[in-house]
Amino acid sequence: MKIHYSSTFFKKVKRLEIDLQEEVLEKIELIKNGNSAKRLKIHKLHGRLGKSYGLSINYKIRAIFYHEKNGDIVFFDVGEHDQVYR
C-alpha cells in the first residue's frame, strides 16, 4: 500500500497551525504502519463523499481520503469536520 496526496491536500495542510500539521503527518504515518482503524477513528463518509473515508486528526480537524483499486490511499482534503462537506 502506498500513500498519495493531492496538491490541494498539501495546500490545506500548510494553512493549518504547525502543531496541527505535525499531528496530520503523525496520523498518516500511523496508517502507513498498519495501525487499526478504530484507534485512528477512520470512518466511512456519506452523501457526496460516500466513497471516501475520514480520519480524525483531533476533535475539530479531519483528513479525507479514498482507496484506489490497487489498495493505495489518496488523501485529498483536510479541514474542520463541517467544512470538508461543502
PDB file of N, CA and C in Angstrom:
ATOM      1  N   MET A   1       0.838  -1.176   0.000  1.00  0.00           N
ATOM      2  CA  MET A   1       0.000   0.000   0.000  1.00  0.00           C
ATOM      3  C   MET A   1       0.884   1.241   0.000  1.00  0.00           C
ATOM      4  N   LYS A   2       0.567   2.145  -0.900  1.00  0.00           N
ATOM      5  CA  LYS A   2       1.269   3.429  -0.959  1.00  0.00           C
ATOM      6  C   LYS A   2       0.291   4.533  -0.600  1.00  0.00           C
ATOM      7  N   ILE A   3       0.832   5.637  -0.126  1.00  0.00           N
ATOM      8  CA  ILE A   3       0.022   6.799   0.215  1.00  0.00           C
ATOM      9  C   ILE A   3       0.352   7.905  -0.774  1.00  0.00           C
ATOM     10  N   HIS A   4      -0.703   8.509  -1.350  1.00  0.00           N
ATOM     11  CA  HIS A   4      -0.557   9.610  -2.296  1.00  0.00           C
ATOM     12  C   HIS A   4      -1.311  10.819  -1.740  1.00  0.00           C
ATOM     13  N   TYR A   5      -0.936  11.989  -2.215  1.00  0.00           N
ATOM     14  CA  TYR A   5      -1.550  13.230  -1.746  1.00  0.00           C
ATOM     15  C   TYR A   5      -1.887  14.107  -2.937  1.00  0.00           C
ATOM     16  N   SER A   6      -3.051  14.743  -2.890  1.00  0.00           N
ATOM     17  CA  SER A   6      -3.386  15.719  -3.921  1.00  0.00           C
ATOM     18  C   SER A   6      -2.682  17.035  -3.597  1.00  0.00           C
ATOM     19  N   SER A   7      -2.513  17.880  -4.599  1.00  0.00           N
ATOM     20  CA  SER A   7      -1.889  19.185  -4.355  1.00  0.00           C
ATOM     21  C   SER A   7      -2.766  20.028  -3.436  1.00  0.00           C
ATOM     22  N   THR A   8      -4.064  19.877  -3.536  1.00  0.00           N
ATOM     23  CA  THR A   8      -4.988  20.601  -2.665  1.00  0.00           C
ATOM     24  C   THR A   8      -4.785  20.204  -1.212  1.00  0.00           C
ATOM     25  N   PHE A   9      -4.559  18.931  -0.984  1.00  0.00           N
ATOM     26  CA  PHE A   9      -4.335  18.442   0.380  1.00  0.00           C
ATOM     27  C   PHE A   9      -3.132  19.153   1.000  1.00  0.00           C
ATOM     28  N   PHE A  10      -2.019  19.209   0.268  1.00  0.00           N
ATOM     29  CA  PHE A  10      -0.824  19.864   0.805  1.00  0.00           C
ATOM     30  C   PHE A  10      -1.043  21.351   1.046  1.00  0.00           C
ATOM     31  N   LYS A  11      -1.769  22.014   0.159  1.00  0.00           N
ATOM     32  CA  LYS A  11      -2.047  23.443   0.346  1.00  0.00           C
ATOM     33  C   LYS A  11      -2.846  23.671   1.624  1.00  0.00           C
ATOM     34  N   LYS A  12      -3.837  22.822   1.860  1.00  0.00           N
ATOM     35  CA  LYS A  12      -4.666  22.974   3.054  1.00  0.00           C
ATOM     36  C   LYS A  12      -3.901  22.622   4.322  1.00  0.00           C
ATOM     37  N   VAL A  13      -3.034  21.635   4.262  1.00  0.00           N
ATOM     38  CA  VAL A  13      -2.222  21.280   5.430  1.00  0.00           C
ATOM     39  C   VAL A  13      -1.317  22.447   5.793  1.00  0.00           C
ATOM     40  N   LYS A  14      -0.742  23.111   4.809  1.00  0.00           N
ATOM     41  CA  LYS A  14       0.166  24.233   5.072  1.00  0.00           C
ATOM     42  C   LYS A  14      -0.550  25.404   5.738  1.00  0.00           C
ATOM     43  N   ARG A  15      -1.868  25.503   5.558  1.00  0.00           N
ATOM     44  CA  ARG A  15      -2.647  26.580   6.182  1.00  0.00           C
ATOM     45  C   ARG A  15      -2.934  26.319   7.659  1.00  0.00           C
ATOM     46  N   LEU A  16      -2.758  25.080   8.085  1.00  0.00           N
ATOM     47  CA  LEU A  16      -3.005  24.728   9.483  1.00  0.00           C
ATOM     48  C   LEU A  16      -1.864  25.218  10.367  1.00  0.00           C
ATOM     49  N   GLU A  17      -2.153  25.326  11.656  1.00  0.00           N
ATOM     50  CA  GLU A  17      -1.109  25.669  12.621  1.00  0.00           C
ATOM     51  C   GLU A  17      -0.048  24.570  12.602  1.00  0.00           C
ATOM     52  N   ILE A  18       1.171  24.922  12.962  1.00  0.00           N
ATOM     53  CA  ILE A  18       2.298  23.985  12.926  1.00  0.00           C
ATOM     54  C   ILE A  18       1.999  22.710  13.724  1.00  0.00           C
ATOM     55  N   ASP A  19       1.425  22.865  14.910  1.00  0.00           N
ATOM     56  CA  ASP A  19       1.111  21.691  15.738  1.00  0.00           C
ATOM     57  C   ASP A  19       0.151  20.753  15.020  1.00  0.00           C
ATOM     58  N   LEU A  20      -0.858  21.324  14.358  1.00  0.00           N
ATOM     59  CA  LEU A  20      -1.818  20.502  13.625  1.00  0.00           C
ATOM     60  C   LEU A  20      -1.186  19.849  12.403  1.00  0.00           C
ATOM     61  N   GLN A  21      -0.288  20.568  11.739  1.00  0.00           N
ATOM     62  CA  GLN A  21       0.422  19.984  10.595  1.00  0.00           C
ATOM     63  C   GLN A  21       1.175  18.731  11.030  1.00  0.00           C
ATOM     64  N   GLU A  22       1.867  18.836  12.149  1.00  0.00           N
ATOM     65  CA  GLU A  22       2.626  17.700  12.667  1.00  0.00           C
ATOM     66  C   GLU A  22       1.702  16.548  13.045  1.00  0.00           C
ATOM     67  N   GLU A  23       0.553  16.882  13.617  1.00  0.00           N
ATOM     68  CA  GLU A  23      -0.404  15.845  14.011  1.00  0.00           C
ATOM     69  C   GLU A  23      -0.975  15.119  12.788  1.00  0.00           C
ATOM     70  N   VAL A  24      -1.235  15.864  11.710  1.00  0.00           N
ATOM     71  CA  VAL A  24      -1.710  15.246  10.464  1.00  0.00           C
ATOM     72  C   VAL A  24      -0.675  14.245   9.965  1.00  0.00           C
ATOM     73  N   LEU A  25       0.572  14.661   9.917  1.00  0.00           N
ATOM     74  CA  LEU A  25       1.628  13.783   9.423  1.00  0.00           C
ATOM     75  C   LEU A  25       1.828  12.563  10.328  1.00  0.00           C
ATOM     76  N   GLU A  26       1.686  12.755  11.631  1.00  0.00           N
ATOM     77  CA  GLU A  26       1.812  11.635  12.567  1.00  0.00           C
ATOM     78  C   GLU A  26       0.713  10.600  12.331  1.00  0.00           C
ATOM     79  N   LYS A  27      -0.520  11.065  12.127  1.00  0.00           N
ATOM     80  CA  LYS A  27      -1.644  10.150  11.907  1.00  0.00           C
ATOM     81  C   LYS A  27      -1.471   9.394  10.590  1.00  0.00           C
ATOM     82  N   ILE A  28      -1.004  10.073   9.568  1.00  0.00           N
ATOM     83  CA  ILE A  28      -0.773   9.408   8.283  1.00  0.00           C
ATOM     84  C   ILE A  28       0.323   8.367   8.429  1.00  0.00           C
ATOM     85  N   GLU A  29       1.330   8.677   9.219  1.00  0.00           N
ATOM     86  CA  GLU A  29       2.400   7.717   9.461  1.00  0.00           C
ATOM     87  C   GLU A  29       1.859   6.469  10.159  1.00  0.00           C
ATOM     88  N   LEU A  30       0.899   6.642  11.056  1.00  0.00           N
ATOM     89  CA  LEU A  30       0.285   5.500  11.727  1.00  0.00           C
ATOM     90  C   LEU A  30      -0.444   4.607  10.728  1.00  0.00           C
ATOM     91  N   ILE A  31      -1.088   5.210   9.743  1.00  0.00           N
ATOM     92  CA  ILE A  31      -1.757   4.423   8.701  1.00  0.00           C
ATOM     93  C   ILE A  31      -0.723   3.624   7.922  1.00  0.00           C
ATOM     94  N   LYS A  32       0.384   4.259   7.585  1.00  0.00           N
ATOM     95  CA  LYS A  32       1.449   3.566   6.852  1.00  0.00           C
ATOM     96  C   LYS A  32       1.949   2.348   7.619  1.00  0.00           C
ATOM     97  N   ASN A  33       1.977   2.468   8.939  1.00  0.00           N
ATOM     98  CA  ASN A  33       2.471   1.381   9.781  1.00  0.00           C
ATOM     99  C   ASN A  33       1.408   0.325  10.064  1.00  0.00           C
ATOM    100  N   GLY A  34       0.214   0.494   9.508  1.00  0.00           N
ATOM    101  CA  GLY A  34      -0.827  -0.515   9.631  1.00  0.00           C
ATOM    102  C   GLY A  34      -1.574  -0.528  10.943  1.00  0.00           C
ATOM    103  N   ASN A  35      -1.648   0.612  11.627  1.00  0.00           N
ATOM    104  CA  ASN A  35      -2.395   0.654  12.877  1.00  0.00           C
ATOM    105  C   ASN A  35      -3.892   0.577  12.627  1.00  0.00           C
ATOM    106  N   SER A  36      -4.625   0.203  13.635  1.00  0.00           N
ATOM    107  CA  SER A  36      -6.051  -0.084  13.483  1.00  0.00           C
ATOM    108  C   SER A  36      -6.878   1.162  13.169  1.00  0.00           C
ATOM    109  N   ALA A  37      -7.934   0.922  12.407  1.00  0.00           N
ATOM    110  CA  ALA A  37      -8.845   1.999  12.029  1.00  0.00           C
ATOM    111  C   ALA A  37      -9.572   2.551  13.244  1.00  0.00           C
ATOM    112  N   LYS A  38      -9.858   1.708  14.203  1.00  0.00           N
ATOM    113  CA  LYS A  38     -10.589   2.172  15.387  1.00  0.00           C
ATOM    114  C   LYS A  38      -9.754   3.169  16.184  1.00  0.00           C
ATOM    115  N   ARG A  39      -8.482   2.870  16.350  1.00  0.00           N
ATOM    116  CA  ARG A  39      -7.592   3.760  17.097  1.00  0.00           C
ATOM    117  C   ARG A  39      -7.464   5.109  16.393  1.00  0.00           C
ATOM    118  N   LEU A  40      -7.468   5.090  15.072  1.00  0.00           N
ATOM    119  CA  LEU A  40      -7.327   6.315  14.294  1.00  0.00           C
ATOM    120  C   LEU A  40      -8.669   6.980  13.999  1.00  0.00           C
ATOM    121  N   LYS A  41      -9.755   6.359  14.418  1.00  0.00           N
ATOM    122  CA  LYS A  41     -11.108   6.876  14.200  1.00  0.00           C
ATOM    123  C   LYS A  41     -11.401   7.065  12.714  1.00  0.00           C
ATOM    124  N   ILE A  42     -11.037   6.077  11.916  1.00  0.00           N
ATOM    125  CA  ILE A  42     -11.340   6.108  10.490  1.00  0.00           C
ATOM    126  C   ILE A  42     -12.789   5.691  10.317  1.00  0.00           C
ATOM    127  N   HIS A  43     -13.517   6.457   9.507  1.00  0.00           N
ATOM    128  CA  HIS A  43     -14.925   6.173   9.304  1.00  0.00           C
ATOM    129  C   HIS A  43     -15.341   6.488   7.875  1.00  0.00           C
ATOM    130  N   LYS A  44     -16.294   5.724   7.377  1.00  0.00           N
ATOM    131  CA  LYS A  44     -16.825   5.930   6.024  1.00  0.00           C
ATOM    132  C   LYS A  44     -17.709   7.169   6.050  1.00  0.00           C
ATOM    133  N   LEU A  45     -17.603   7.970   5.006  1.00  0.00           N
ATOM    134  CA  LEU A  45     -18.402   9.184   4.912  1.00  0.00           C
ATOM    135  C   LEU A  45     -19.689   8.916   4.129  1.00  0.00           C
ATOM    136  N   HIS A  46     -20.578   9.879   4.133  1.00  0.00           N
ATOM    137  CA  HIS A  46     -21.876   9.741   3.472  1.00  0.00           C
ATOM    138  C   HIS A  46     -22.091  10.893   2.494  1.00  0.00           C
ATOM    139  N   GLY A  47     -23.169  10.832   1.760  1.00  0.00           N
ATOM    140  CA  GLY A  47     -23.515  11.899   0.828  1.00  0.00           C
ATOM    141  C   GLY A  47     -22.572  11.931  -0.352  1.00  0.00           C
ATOM    142  N   ARG A  48     -22.209  13.129  -0.785  1.00  0.00           N
ATOM    143  CA  ARG A  48     -21.353  13.269  -1.965  1.00  0.00           C
ATOM    144  C   ARG A  48     -19.956  12.697  -1.755  1.00  0.00           C
ATOM    145  N   LEU A  49     -19.567  12.481  -0.511  1.00  0.00           N
ATOM    146  CA  LEU A  49     -18.266  11.884  -0.180  1.00  0.00           C
ATOM    147  C   LEU A  49     -18.409  10.416   0.204  1.00  0.00           C
ATOM    148  N   GLY A  50     -19.480   9.779  -0.253  1.00  0.00           N
ATOM    149  CA  GLY A  50     -19.816   8.426   0.141  1.00  0.00           C
ATOM    150  C   GLY A  50     -18.786   7.356  -0.187  1.00  0.00           C
ATOM    151  N   LYS A  51     -17.889   7.629  -1.118  1.00  0.00           N
ATOM    152  CA  LYS A  51     -16.847   6.654  -1.456  1.00  0.00           C
ATOM    153  C   LYS A  51     -15.533   6.964  -0.744  1.00  0.00           C
ATOM    154  N   SER A  52     -15.593   7.918   0.174  1.00  0.00           N
ATOM    155  CA  SER A  52     -14.395   8.380   0.876  1.00  0.00           C
ATOM    156  C   SER A  52     -14.466   8.034   2.355  1.00  0.00           C
ATOM    157  N   TYR A  53     -13.335   8.240   3.020  1.00  0.00           N
ATOM    158  CA  TYR A  53     -13.210   7.968   4.448  1.00  0.00           C
ATOM    159  C   TYR A  53     -12.642   9.188   5.152  1.00  0.00           C
ATOM    160  N   GLY A  54     -13.021   9.342   6.413  1.00  0.00           N
ATOM    161  CA  GLY A  54     -12.491  10.403   7.243  1.00  0.00           C
ATOM    162  C   GLY A  54     -11.544   9.835   8.284  1.00  0.00           C
ATOM    163  N   LEU A  55     -10.505  10.576   8.561  1.00  0.00           N
ATOM    164  CA  LEU A  55      -9.527  10.228   9.583  1.00  0.00           C
ATOM    165  C   LEU A  55      -9.492  11.394  10.563  1.00  0.00           C
ATOM    166  N   SER A  56      -9.918  11.167  11.791  1.00  0.00           N
ATOM    167  CA  SER A  56      -9.942  12.235  12.777  1.00  0.00           C
ATOM    168  C   SER A  56      -8.525  12.575  13.214  1.00  0.00           C
ATOM    169  N   ILE A  57      -8.153  13.832  13.007  1.00  0.00           N
ATOM    170  CA  ILE A  57      -6.854  14.322  13.463  1.00  0.00           C
ATOM    171  C   ILE A  57      -6.985  14.719  14.926  1.00  0.00           C
ATOM    172  N   ASN A  58      -8.045  15.448  15.222  1.00  0.00           N
ATOM    173  CA  ASN A  58      -8.432  15.758  16.596  1.00  0.00           C
ATOM    174  C   ASN A  58      -9.954  15.931  16.570  1.00  0.00           C
ATOM    175  N   TYR A  59     -10.527  16.472  17.614  1.00  0.00           N
ATOM    176  CA  TYR A  59     -11.987  16.593  17.652  1.00  0.00           C
ATOM    177  C   TYR A  59     -12.513  17.619  16.652  1.00  0.00           C
ATOM    178  N   LYS A  60     -11.661  18.466  16.145  1.00  0.00           N
ATOM    179  CA  LYS A  60     -12.092  19.530  15.244  1.00  0.00           C
ATOM    180  C   LYS A  60     -11.689  19.279  13.788  1.00  0.00           C
ATOM    181  N   ILE A  61     -10.555  18.671  13.547  1.00  0.00           N
ATOM    182  CA  ILE A  61      -9.971  18.535  12.214  1.00  0.00           C
ATOM    183  C   ILE A  61      -9.986  17.076  11.765  1.00  0.00           C
ATOM    184  N   ARG A  62     -10.237  16.879  10.463  1.00  0.00           N
ATOM    185  CA  ARG A  62     -10.123  15.540   9.897  1.00  0.00           C
ATOM    186  C   ARG A  62      -9.529  15.611   8.502  1.00  0.00           C
ATOM    187  N   ALA A  63      -8.916  14.520   8.099  1.00  0.00           N
ATOM    188  CA  ALA A  63      -8.369  14.361   6.753  1.00  0.00           C
ATOM    189  C   ALA A  63      -9.293  13.405   5.999  1.00  0.00           C
ATOM    190  N   ILE A  64      -9.470  13.652   4.704  1.00  0.00           N
ATOM    191  CA  ILE A  64     -10.356  12.845   3.872  1.00  0.00           C
ATOM    192  C   ILE A  64      -9.513  12.114   2.829  1.00  0.00           C
ATOM    193  N   PHE A  65      -9.820  10.824   2.641  1.00  0.00           N
ATOM    194  CA  PHE A  65      -9.075  10.024   1.675  1.00  0.00           C
ATOM    195  C   PHE A  65      -9.978   8.980   1.046  1.00  0.00           C
ATOM    196  N   TYR A  66      -9.481   8.364  -0.003  1.00  0.00           N
ATOM    197  CA  TYR A  66     -10.181   7.237  -0.626  1.00  0.00           C
ATOM    198  C   TYR A  66      -9.160   6.168  -0.981  1.00  0.00           C
ATOM    199  N   HIS A  67      -9.665   4.966  -1.192  1.00  0.00           N
ATOM    200  CA  HIS A  67      -8.835   3.834  -1.576  1.00  0.00           C
ATOM    201  C   HIS A  67      -8.906   3.659  -3.084  1.00  0.00           C
ATOM    202  N   GLU A  68      -7.767   3.492  -3.708  1.00  0.00           N
ATOM    203  CA  GLU A  68      -7.738   3.158  -5.128  1.00  0.00           C
ATOM    204  C   GLU A  68      -7.907   1.648  -5.274  1.00  0.00           C
ATOM    205  N   LYS A  69      -8.228   1.200  -6.476  1.00  0.00           N
ATOM    206  CA  LYS A  69      -8.456  -0.229  -6.717  1.00  0.00           C
ATOM    207  C   LYS A  69      -7.239  -1.082  -6.372  1.00  0.00           C
ATOM    208  N   ASN A  70      -6.050  -0.528  -6.531  1.00  0.00           N
ATOM    209  CA  ASN A  70      -4.829  -1.291  -6.233  1.00  0.00           C
ATOM    210  C   ASN A  70      -4.471  -1.297  -4.737  1.00  0.00           C
ATOM    211  N   GLY A  71      -5.319  -0.676  -3.907  1.00  0.00           N
ATOM    212  CA  GLY A  71      -5.078  -0.665  -2.464  1.00  0.00           C
ATOM    213  C   GLY A  71      -4.375   0.577  -1.952  1.00  0.00           C
ATOM    214  N   ASP A  72      -3.903   1.421  -2.856  1.00  0.00           N
ATOM    215  CA  ASP A  72      -3.255   2.661  -2.434  1.00  0.00           C
ATOM    216  C   ASP A  72      -4.283   3.604  -1.823  1.00  0.00           C
ATOM    217  N   ILE A  73      -3.800   4.540  -1.019  1.00  0.00           N
ATOM    218  CA  ILE A  73      -4.651   5.540  -0.371  1.00  0.00           C
ATOM    219  C   ILE A  73      -4.284   6.911  -0.920  1.00  0.00           C
ATOM    220  N   VAL A  74      -5.321   7.720  -1.217  1.00  0.00           N
ATOM    221  CA  VAL A  74      -5.113   9.075  -1.723  1.00  0.00           C
ATOM    222  C   VAL A  74      -5.790  10.056  -0.774  1.00  0.00           C
ATOM    223  N   PHE A  75      -4.998  10.904  -0.124  1.00  0.00           N
ATOM    224  CA  PHE A  75      -5.523  11.979   0.717  1.00  0.00           C
ATOM    225  C   PHE A  75      -5.792  13.182  -0.165  1.00  0.00           C
ATOM    226  N   PHE A  76      -7.022  13.739  -0.072  1.00  0.00           N
ATOM    227  CA  PHE A  76      -7.365  14.850  -0.954  1.00  0.00           C
ATOM    228  C   PHE A  76      -7.945  16.062  -0.246  1.00  0.00           C
ATOM    229  N   ASP A  77      -8.239  15.976   1.049  1.00  0.00           N
ATOM    230  CA  ASP A  77      -8.789  17.140   1.737  1.00  0.00           C
ATOM    231  C   ASP A  77      -8.482  17.049   3.225  1.00  0.00           C
ATOM    232  N   VAL A  78      -8.392  18.184   3.868  1.00  0.00           N
ATOM    233  CA  VAL A  78      -8.217  18.274   5.316  1.00  0.00           C
ATOM    234  C   VAL A  78      -8.860  19.570   5.771  1.00  0.00           C
ATOM    235  N   GLY A  79      -9.481  19.533   6.938  1.00  0.00           N
ATOM    236  CA  GLY A  79     -10.117  20.731   7.471  1.00  0.00           C
ATOM    237  C   GLY A  79     -11.071  20.383   8.590  1.00  0.00           C
ATOM    238  N   GLU A  80     -11.842  21.387   9.012  1.00  0.00           N
ATOM    239  CA  GLU A  80     -12.820  21.162  10.065  1.00  0.00           C
ATOM    240  C   GLU A  80     -13.897  20.221   9.542  1.00  0.00           C
ATOM    241  N   HIS A  81     -14.504  19.481  10.427  1.00  0.00           N
ATOM    242  CA  HIS A  81     -15.467  18.462  10.045  1.00  0.00           C
ATOM    243  C   HIS A  81     -16.575  19.000   9.144  1.00  0.00           C
ATOM    244  N   ASP A  82     -17.136  20.159   9.454  1.00  0.00           N
ATOM    245  CA  ASP A  82     -18.240  20.670   8.645  1.00  0.00           C
ATOM    246  C   ASP A  82     -17.754  21.323   7.349  1.00  0.00           C
ATOM    247  N   GLN A  83     -16.532  21.785   7.264  1.00  0.00           N
ATOM    248  CA  GLN A  83     -16.022  22.444   6.058  1.00  0.00           C
ATOM    249  C   GLN A  83     -15.784  21.485   4.918  1.00  0.00           C
ATOM    250  N   VAL A  84     -15.335  20.275   5.201  1.00  0.00           N
ATOM    251  CA  VAL A  84     -14.992  19.364   4.123  1.00  0.00           C
ATOM    252  C   VAL A  84     -16.222  18.818   3.404  1.00  0.00           C
ATOM    253  N   TYR A  85     -17.406  19.041   3.948  1.00  0.00           N
ATOM    254  CA  TYR A  85     -18.625  18.598   3.268  1.00  0.00           C
ATOM    255  C   TYR A  85     -19.121  19.633   2.264  1.00  0.00           C
ATOM    256  N   ARG A  86     -18.561  20.816   2.268  1.00  0.00           N
ATOM    257  CA  ARG A  86     -19.042  21.875   1.360  1.00  0.00           C
ATOM    258  C   ARG A  86     -18.445  21.759  -0.006  1.00  0.00           C
TER     259      ARG A  86
END
